[in-house]
Amino acid sequence: MVERVDVSPALLAWALDRSRISDNDKRYERFSRWAAGDEQPTFKQLEAFANATHAPLGYLFLNQPPVETVPIPDFRTVGNSGVASPSPDLLDTIYDCQMRQDWYRTYAAEQGFDPLPFVGTATVSDPVEQVAERIRRAIGFTMDQRANFSNWEDALRQLIDSVESIGVLVMISGIVGGNTRRKLDPEEFRGFALTDPLSALIFINGSDSKSAQIFTMIHELAHVWLGETALSDAQLGSNSTTGSELWANQVAAEVLVPIARLRTDYRNSADLPELVRLAGLYKVSTLVILKRIFDGGYLQWDDYRARYIDEVDRVRAIVDARQGSGGNYYNTQPLRLSRNFARAVIVDTREGRTLYRDAFGLLGAAKRETFDRLASTLGVG
């Protein structure tokens, strides 16, 4: 006789809803029957269900569904309300980054690293233009330098190197860990900053467009300048953003597209050819250009908002069409981990301070061969 598990349908419904599994998924029909209480799973089926929904198995035996919250300050908003019910993909990504940050904080302290001098040096009352200039000067992302970038991808690579050169760890990934089946949704979040004087970390959702990632990078860097840990979506199309999130948006926009420079370059048109021309000149997204045209007083809010919605749809279609495989593991993994972080783990492990077992977990490496090849890719002898 097959033994079924007496598990609460409410817990199964919670896990299924939390997972955001589509009703087009072939597993959804069976899972929904369990969640509705129409039938009960076996223990083996329950384990498979927990794995598929990324829910801790023990949670399914609670008396009632747990209330999960984002473990860092959440500045995302819809209207004037915070975003509820974080996905397991978002939560697991934050937990992974916190684990890596904890390791790097200890490493930096043991190595005698100085605290990062810019963390917490700004406030939201500081003039946007002044802070933007300090950030631009620190990372060297000037208009003259951008003129040498061939495209957005080149600009993003150079920006990553520049931000890491001042001591901030930059991790960019469009998936959870190394699981290509768990794609991160830029509609849920675009990035976050885990700010610490010794181990400041920026995570960027790699499922977003390259040009959008550039804006998110500077937005999160502005939070680091404030000394804030923050989860955000770097929204440009809403007028409800307030406080430090609004300030970070303004700083990022000014870093990337100085309004004084735009007034010189702008040709009195917000049509697509002009947006594309200016986006190529500044190496930012057309959405950032559109926002700066609005900031410059060349568009009224209603006109800007209508154009912004249309442009979001156009850009999203381009991003969706370009999504492909994850590429070569040894090329993409250093970007997912931060080159500085990966090198530190490899060196510390080879010098005997970190166990190989722990290093494998930190680097997402399954075995010694993977570890050694990753070290070779990063030029760590």
Protein backbone atom coordinates (compact mmCIF):
# COMPACT_ATOMS: atom_id res chain seq x y z
CA MET A 1 0.00 0.00 0.00
CA VAL A 2 1.33 3.43 -0.94
CA GLU A 3 1.78 5.65 2.10
CA ARG A 4 0.78 9.28 1.75
CA VAL A 5 2.05 12.20 3.81
CA ASP A 6 -0.49 14.11 5.86
CA VAL A 7 0.74 17.57 4.93
CA SER A 8 -1.33 20.75 5.05
CA PRO A 9 -2.65 21.84 1.64
CA ALA A 10 -2.18 25.45 2.80
CA LEU A 11 1.58 24.87 3.11
CA LEU A 12 1.70 23.26 -0.33
CA ALA A 13 -0.31 26.14 -1.81
CA TRP A 14 2.08 28.61 -0.17
CA ALA A 15 5.13 26.85 -1.61
CA LEU A 16 3.59 26.56 -5.08
CA ASP A 17 2.59 30.22 -5.16
CA ARG A 18 5.97 31.27 -3.78
CA SER A 19 7.82 29.32 -6.48
CA ARG A 20 6.01 31.14 -9.32
CA ILE A 21 5.88 27.91 -11.32
CA SER A 22 3.87 28.58 -14.46
CA ASP A 23 0.61 26.75 -15.05
CA ASN A 24 2.17 25.73 -18.38
CA ASP A 25 4.72 23.65 -16.49
CA LYS A 26 3.93 19.94 -16.81
CA ARG A 27 4.31 19.53 -13.03
CA TYR A 28 1.78 22.23 -12.22
CA GLU A 29 -1.37 20.08 -12.57
CA ARG A 30 -0.20 17.48 -10.05
CA PHE A 31 1.22 20.09 -7.68
CA SER A 32 -2.04 22.07 -7.78
CA ARG A 33 -4.06 18.95 -6.89
CA TRP A 34 -1.93 18.50 -3.79
CA ALA A 35 -2.20 22.20 -2.96
CA ALA A 36 -6.00 22.02 -3.29
CA GLY A 37 -6.17 19.01 -0.97
CA ASP A 38 -7.59 16.74 -3.68
CA GLU A 39 -4.87 14.18 -3.03
CA GLN A 40 -1.77 13.75 -0.88
CA PRO A 41 1.81 13.12 -2.04
CA THR A 42 4.10 10.33 -0.94
CA PHE A 43 7.17 11.39 1.02
CA LYS A 44 9.34 10.95 -2.06
CA GLN A 45 6.93 13.10 -4.05
CA LEU A 46 6.95 15.70 -1.29
CA GLU A 47 10.76 15.85 -1.44
CA ALA A 48 10.54 16.36 -5.21
CA PHE A 49 7.91 19.05 -4.67
CA ALA A 50 10.13 20.87 -2.16
CA ASN A 51 13.06 20.70 -4.56
CA ALA A 52 10.98 21.97 -7.50
CA THR A 53 9.50 24.86 -5.53
CA HIS A 54 12.79 25.69 -3.76
CA ALA A 55 11.02 25.46 -0.41
CA PRO A 56 12.84 24.00 2.63
CA LEU A 57 11.27 20.59 3.27
CA GLY A 58 10.85 21.33 6.96
CA TYR A 59 8.70 24.37 6.15
CA LEU A 60 6.05 22.07 4.68
CA PHE A 61 5.39 20.56 8.12
CA LEU A 62 4.75 23.88 9.88
CA ASN A 63 1.34 24.68 11.32
CA GLN A 64 0.91 27.61 8.97
CA PRO A 65 2.82 29.22 6.09
CA PRO A 66 5.79 31.33 7.24
CA VAL A 67 5.94 35.04 6.56
CA GLU A 68 9.12 35.63 4.59
CA THR A 69 10.72 39.03 4.32
CA VAL A 70 13.70 40.32 2.37
CA PRO A 71 16.73 40.20 4.73
CA ILE A 72 17.99 43.63 3.67
CA PRO A 73 16.27 47.05 3.40
CA ASP A 74 13.86 46.86 0.46
CA PHE A 75 13.49 50.10 -1.51
CA ARG A 76 11.49 48.62 -4.38
CA THR A 77 8.04 50.13 -4.71
CA VAL A 78 4.87 49.75 -6.73
CA GLY A 79 3.03 53.03 -6.42
CA ASN A 80 3.79 53.96 -2.82
CA SER A 81 3.80 50.40 -1.47
CA GLY A 82 6.64 47.97 -0.93
CA VAL A 83 6.84 44.73 -2.91
CA ALA A 84 5.62 41.75 -0.90
CA SER A 85 6.33 38.02 -1.20
CA PRO A 86 9.95 37.81 -2.38
CA SER A 87 10.63 34.89 -4.69
CA PRO A 88 12.95 32.07 -3.57
CA ASP A 89 15.25 33.11 -6.43
CA LEU A 90 15.68 36.57 -4.95
CA LEU A 91 16.09 35.27 -1.39
CA ASP A 92 18.65 32.63 -2.36
CA THR A 93 20.63 35.19 -4.36
CA ILE A 94 20.81 37.57 -1.41
CA TYR A 95 21.78 34.76 0.99
CA ASP A 96 24.55 33.58 -1.38
CA CYS A 97 25.94 37.12 -1.65
CA GLN A 98 25.78 37.63 2.12
CA MET A 99 27.72 34.39 2.63
CA ARG A 100 30.41 35.54 0.20
CA GLN A 101 30.53 38.99 1.73
CA ASP A 102 30.99 37.51 5.21
CA TRP A 103 33.93 35.46 3.97
CA TYR A 104 35.50 38.44 2.20
CA ARG A 105 35.05 40.70 5.25
CA THR A 106 37.06 38.24 7.36
CA TYR A 107 39.66 37.88 4.60
CA ALA A 108 40.04 41.66 4.23
CA ALA A 109 40.46 42.10 7.99
CA GLU A 110 43.09 39.35 8.16
CA GLN A 111 44.95 40.89 5.22
CA GLY A 112 44.94 44.29 6.91
CA PHE A 113 42.95 46.05 4.19
CA ASP A 114 42.06 49.67 4.90
CA PRO A 115 38.35 50.55 5.05
CA LEU A 116 37.01 51.90 1.78
CA PRO A 117 37.33 55.68 2.12
CA PHE A 118 34.12 56.61 0.26
CA VAL A 119 31.62 54.40 2.12
CA GLY A 120 29.11 56.58 3.96
CA THR A 121 30.66 59.87 2.83
CA ALA A 122 27.47 61.19 1.21
CA THR A 123 23.99 62.09 2.42
CA VAL A 124 20.77 62.64 0.49
CA SER A 125 21.04 66.34 1.29
CA ASP A 126 24.31 66.58 -0.66
CA PRO A 127 23.96 68.16 -4.12
CA VAL A 128 23.49 65.47 -6.77
CA GLU A 129 25.95 67.07 -9.18
CA GLN A 130 28.74 67.15 -6.59
CA VAL A 131 28.35 63.51 -5.55
CA ALA A 132 28.04 62.43 -9.18
CA GLU A 133 31.33 64.16 -9.96
CA ARG A 134 33.03 62.44 -7.00
CA ILE A 135 31.81 59.05 -8.18
CA ARG A 136 32.72 59.74 -11.79
CA ARG A 137 36.20 60.83 -10.73
CA ALA A 138 36.66 57.81 -8.46
CA ILE A 139 35.80 55.23 -11.12
CA GLY A 140 37.16 57.18 -14.10
CA PHE A 141 33.99 56.79 -16.16
CA THR A 142 34.33 60.09 -18.02
CA MET A 143 32.89 61.03 -21.41
CA ASP A 144 36.38 61.01 -22.93
CA GLN A 145 36.92 57.44 -21.79
CA ARG A 146 33.49 56.33 -22.97
CA ALA A 147 34.28 57.59 -26.45
CA ASN A 148 36.73 54.70 -26.75
CA PHE A 149 34.13 52.03 -25.93
CA SER A 150 32.82 50.23 -28.99
CA ASN A 151 29.43 49.32 -27.49
CA TRP A 152 27.46 48.87 -24.27
CA GLU A 153 29.03 45.48 -23.58
CA ASP A 154 32.50 47.03 -23.75
CA ALA A 155 31.34 49.91 -21.53
CA LEU A 156 29.92 47.48 -18.97
CA ARG A 157 33.12 45.42 -18.85
CA GLN A 158 35.20 48.54 -18.34
CA LEU A 159 32.80 49.81 -15.69
CA ILE A 160 32.99 46.52 -13.77
CA ASP A 161 36.79 46.72 -13.76
CA SER A 162 36.66 50.37 -12.67
CA VAL A 163 34.30 49.72 -9.76
CA GLU A 164 36.29 46.70 -8.62
CA SER A 165 39.49 48.75 -8.83
CA ILE A 166 38.24 51.00 -6.00
CA GLY A 167 37.55 47.96 -3.80
CA VAL A 168 33.87 47.18 -4.39
CA LEU A 169 33.00 43.58 -5.28
CA VAL A 170 30.78 43.39 -8.38
CA MET A 171 28.75 40.25 -9.02
CA ILE A 172 26.58 39.98 -12.15
CA SER A 173 24.38 36.99 -12.86
CA GLY A 174 21.06 36.25 -14.49
CA ILE A 175 20.58 32.95 -12.65
CA VAL A 176 20.57 31.64 -9.09
CA GLY A 177 24.00 30.20 -8.33
CA GLY A 178 24.92 28.00 -11.27
CA ASN A 179 21.37 26.77 -11.95
CA THR A 180 20.43 27.80 -15.48
CA ARG A 181 16.83 26.73 -14.81
CA ARG A 182 16.45 29.46 -12.18
CA LYS A 183 16.53 32.65 -14.19
CA LEU A 184 16.35 35.91 -12.25
CA ASP A 185 13.51 38.24 -13.16
CA PRO A 186 14.50 41.91 -13.68
CA GLU A 187 10.86 42.82 -13.12
CA GLU A 188 11.31 41.67 -9.51
CA PHE A 189 14.65 43.38 -8.89
CA ARG A 190 17.53 44.85 -10.84
CA GLY A 191 20.21 44.89 -8.20
CA PHE A 192 21.21 45.40 -4.61
CA ALA A 193 24.08 46.76 -2.57
CA LEU A 194 25.48 45.09 0.56
CA THR A 195 27.48 47.94 2.04
CA ASP A 196 30.36 47.42 4.44
CA PRO A 197 33.59 49.39 4.94
CA LEU A 198 35.74 46.32 4.24
CA SER A 199 33.56 44.30 1.88
CA ALA A 200 31.11 46.46 -0.05
CA LEU A 201 29.32 44.32 -2.64
CA ILE A 202 27.08 45.16 -5.59
CA PHE A 203 24.93 42.51 -7.27
CA ILE A 204 23.44 43.20 -10.70
CA ASN A 205 20.67 41.14 -12.30
CA GLY A 206 22.33 39.86 -15.46
CA SER A 207 18.97 39.10 -17.09
CA ASP A 208 18.52 42.81 -17.68
CA SER A 209 19.90 44.54 -20.78
CA LYS A 210 23.60 45.48 -20.74
CA SER A 211 22.80 49.17 -20.93
CA ALA A 212 20.32 48.88 -18.05
CA GLN A 213 22.96 47.06 -15.99
CA ILE A 214 25.23 50.10 -16.36
CA PHE A 215 22.61 52.35 -14.79
CA THR A 216 21.89 49.86 -12.01
CA MET A 217 25.61 49.60 -11.25
CA ILE A 218 25.93 53.34 -10.65
CA HIS A 219 22.63 53.45 -8.77
CA GLU A 220 23.87 50.80 -6.34
CA LEU A 221 27.24 52.54 -6.09
CA ALA A 222 25.38 55.67 -4.98
CA HIS A 223 23.88 53.60 -2.14
CA VAL A 224 27.42 52.55 -1.19
CA TRP A 225 28.40 56.24 -1.07
CA LEU A 226 25.46 56.73 1.32
CA GLY A 227 26.65 53.80 3.43
CA GLU A 228 23.35 51.98 2.76
CA THR A 229 22.55 48.35 2.15
CA ALA A 230 19.60 48.36 -0.24
CA LEU A 231 17.52 46.22 -2.59
CA SER A 232 16.23 48.33 -5.46
CA ASP A 233 14.87 48.30 -8.97
CA ALA A 234 16.35 51.59 -10.20
CA GLN A 235 13.00 52.72 -11.61
CA LEU A 236 13.04 55.60 -14.07
CA GLY A 237 9.39 55.55 -15.08
CA SER A 238 7.75 56.35 -11.75
CA ASN A 239 7.26 59.62 -9.93
CA SER A 240 6.55 57.89 -6.59
CA THR A 241 10.19 57.10 -5.75
CA THR A 242 11.34 59.06 -2.71
CA GLY A 243 14.21 59.41 -0.25
CA SER A 244 17.53 57.76 -0.92
CA GLU A 245 16.15 55.70 -3.82
CA LEU A 246 15.18 58.85 -5.69
CA TRP A 247 18.53 60.42 -4.80
CA ALA A 248 20.44 57.35 -6.05
CA ASN A 249 18.51 57.49 -9.33
CA GLN A 250 19.37 61.16 -9.73
CA VAL A 251 23.05 60.59 -8.96
CA ALA A 252 23.28 57.65 -11.37
CA ALA A 253 21.62 59.67 -14.13
CA GLU A 254 23.99 62.58 -13.56
CA VAL A 255 27.06 60.34 -13.50
CA LEU A 256 26.10 58.75 -16.81
CA VAL A 257 24.48 61.71 -18.59
CA PRO A 258 25.54 65.06 -17.10
CA ILE A 259 22.64 67.41 -17.69
CA ALA A 260 24.92 70.27 -18.73
CA ARG A 261 26.50 68.05 -21.39
CA LEU A 262 23.10 66.81 -22.59
CA ARG A 263 21.89 70.36 -23.18
CA THR A 264 24.76 70.72 -25.65
CA ASP A 265 24.30 67.35 -27.37
CA TYR A 266 20.49 67.28 -27.54
CA ARG A 267 18.94 68.02 -30.96
CA ASN A 268 15.45 68.97 -29.79
CA SER A 269 13.83 65.60 -30.41
CA ALA A 270 12.75 62.70 -28.22
CA ASP A 271 12.04 60.40 -31.17
CA LEU A 272 13.68 56.99 -31.39
CA PRO A 273 16.57 57.91 -33.77
CA GLU A 274 17.67 60.68 -31.39
CA LEU A 275 17.35 58.39 -28.36
CA VAL A 276 19.47 55.75 -30.09
CA ARG A 277 22.07 58.33 -31.15
CA LEU A 278 22.45 59.74 -27.65
CA ALA A 279 22.43 56.27 -26.08
CA GLY A 280 25.34 55.32 -28.29
CA LEU A 281 27.17 58.54 -27.43
CA TYR A 282 26.79 58.16 -23.67
CA LYS A 283 26.85 54.31 -23.62
CA VAL A 284 23.62 54.10 -21.63
CA SER A 285 20.13 52.81 -22.33
CA THR A 286 17.61 54.79 -24.35
CA LEU A 287 15.47 54.82 -21.18
CA VAL A 288 18.16 56.76 -19.32
CA ILE A 289 18.41 59.21 -22.23
CA LEU A 290 14.65 59.65 -22.24
CA LYS A 291 14.68 60.34 -18.51
CA ARG A 292 17.43 62.95 -18.88
CA ILE A 293 15.51 64.66 -21.68
CA PHE A 294 12.62 64.89 -19.24
CA ASP A 295 14.94 66.10 -16.47
CA GLY A 296 16.19 68.80 -18.82
CA GLY A 297 12.66 70.16 -19.14
CA TYR A 298 12.20 69.13 -22.77
CA LEU A 299 9.19 66.85 -22.07
CA GLN A 300 6.11 67.13 -19.88
CA TRP A 301 5.40 64.27 -17.48
CA ASP A 302 2.48 62.72 -19.38
CA ASP A 303 4.39 62.76 -22.67
CA TYR A 304 7.49 61.36 -20.99
CA ARG A 305 5.52 58.60 -19.28
CA ALA A 306 3.80 57.52 -22.52
CA ARG A 307 7.11 57.45 -24.40
CA TYR A 308 8.78 55.60 -21.50
CA ILE A 309 6.16 52.80 -21.52
CA ASP A 310 6.57 52.34 -25.28
CA GLU A 311 10.34 52.28 -24.99
CA VAL A 312 10.25 49.73 -22.14
CA ASP A 313 8.25 47.39 -24.37
CA ARG A 314 10.66 47.87 -27.27
CA VAL A 315 13.76 47.29 -25.14
CA ARG A 316 12.24 44.26 -23.40
CA ALA A 317 11.53 42.64 -26.77
CA ILE A 318 15.16 43.15 -27.82
CA VAL A 319 16.48 41.69 -24.53
CA ASP A 320 14.17 38.67 -24.79
CA ALA A 321 15.29 38.01 -28.37
CA ARG A 322 18.97 38.11 -27.37
CA GLN A 323 18.71 35.80 -24.37
CA GLY A 324 20.70 32.68 -25.02
CA SER A 325 22.80 30.12 -23.21
CA GLY A 326 24.95 31.02 -20.27
CA GLY A 327 28.13 30.80 -22.35
CA ASN A 328 31.41 29.27 -21.29
CA TYR A 329 31.46 28.58 -17.54
CA TYR A 330 35.05 29.73 -17.07
CA ASN A 331 34.31 33.05 -18.78
CA THR A 332 31.01 33.77 -17.05
CA GLN A 333 31.76 32.52 -13.53
CA PRO A 334 34.30 35.27 -12.70
CA LEU A 335 31.62 37.84 -13.59
CA ARG A 336 29.07 36.07 -11.42
CA LEU A 337 31.48 35.91 -8.49
CA SER A 338 33.53 39.12 -8.83
CA ARG A 339 37.05 38.63 -10.11
CA ASN A 340 38.52 40.12 -6.94
CA PHE A 341 36.48 37.80 -4.75
CA ALA A 342 37.31 34.70 -6.79
CA ARG A 343 41.03 35.49 -6.81
CA ALA A 344 40.99 36.07 -3.05
CA VAL A 345 39.31 32.71 -2.39
CA ILE A 346 41.71 30.85 -4.68
CA VAL A 347 44.83 32.44 -3.19
CA ASP A 348 43.61 31.97 0.39
CA THR A 349 42.82 28.33 -0.30
CA ARG A 350 46.15 27.57 -1.91
CA GLU A 351 47.90 29.20 1.03
CA GLY A 352 46.04 26.88 3.39
CA ARG A 353 43.75 29.30 5.23
CA THR A 354 40.51 28.26 3.53
CA LEU A 355 39.56 24.60 3.12
CA TYR A 356 39.09 23.39 -0.45
CA ARG A 357 35.65 22.11 0.55
CA ASP A 358 34.64 25.61 1.64
CA ALA A 359 36.23 27.19 -1.42
CA PHE A 360 34.23 24.93 -3.72
CA GLY A 361 31.04 26.20 -2.11
CA LEU A 362 32.09 29.84 -2.31
CA LEU A 363 33.10 29.56 -5.96
CA GLY A 364 30.36 27.23 -7.17
CA ALA A 365 33.01 24.70 -8.17
CA ALA A 366 32.04 21.03 -8.01
CA LYS A 367 35.54 19.58 -7.92
CA ARG A 368 39.27 20.34 -7.83
CA GLU A 369 39.60 20.33 -11.62
CA THR A 370 36.98 23.09 -11.88
CA PHE A 371 38.75 25.06 -9.16
CA ASP A 372 42.12 24.79 -10.96
CA ARG A 373 40.70 25.76 -14.37
CA LEU A 374 38.94 28.75 -12.85
CA ALA A 375 42.24 29.78 -11.23
CA SER A 376 43.97 29.49 -14.61
CA THR A 377 41.27 31.63 -16.28
CA LEU A 378 41.80 34.32 -13.64
CA GLY A 379 45.57 34.18 -14.03
CA VAL A 380 46.17 32.88 -10.50
CA GLY A 381 49.20 30.60 -10.65
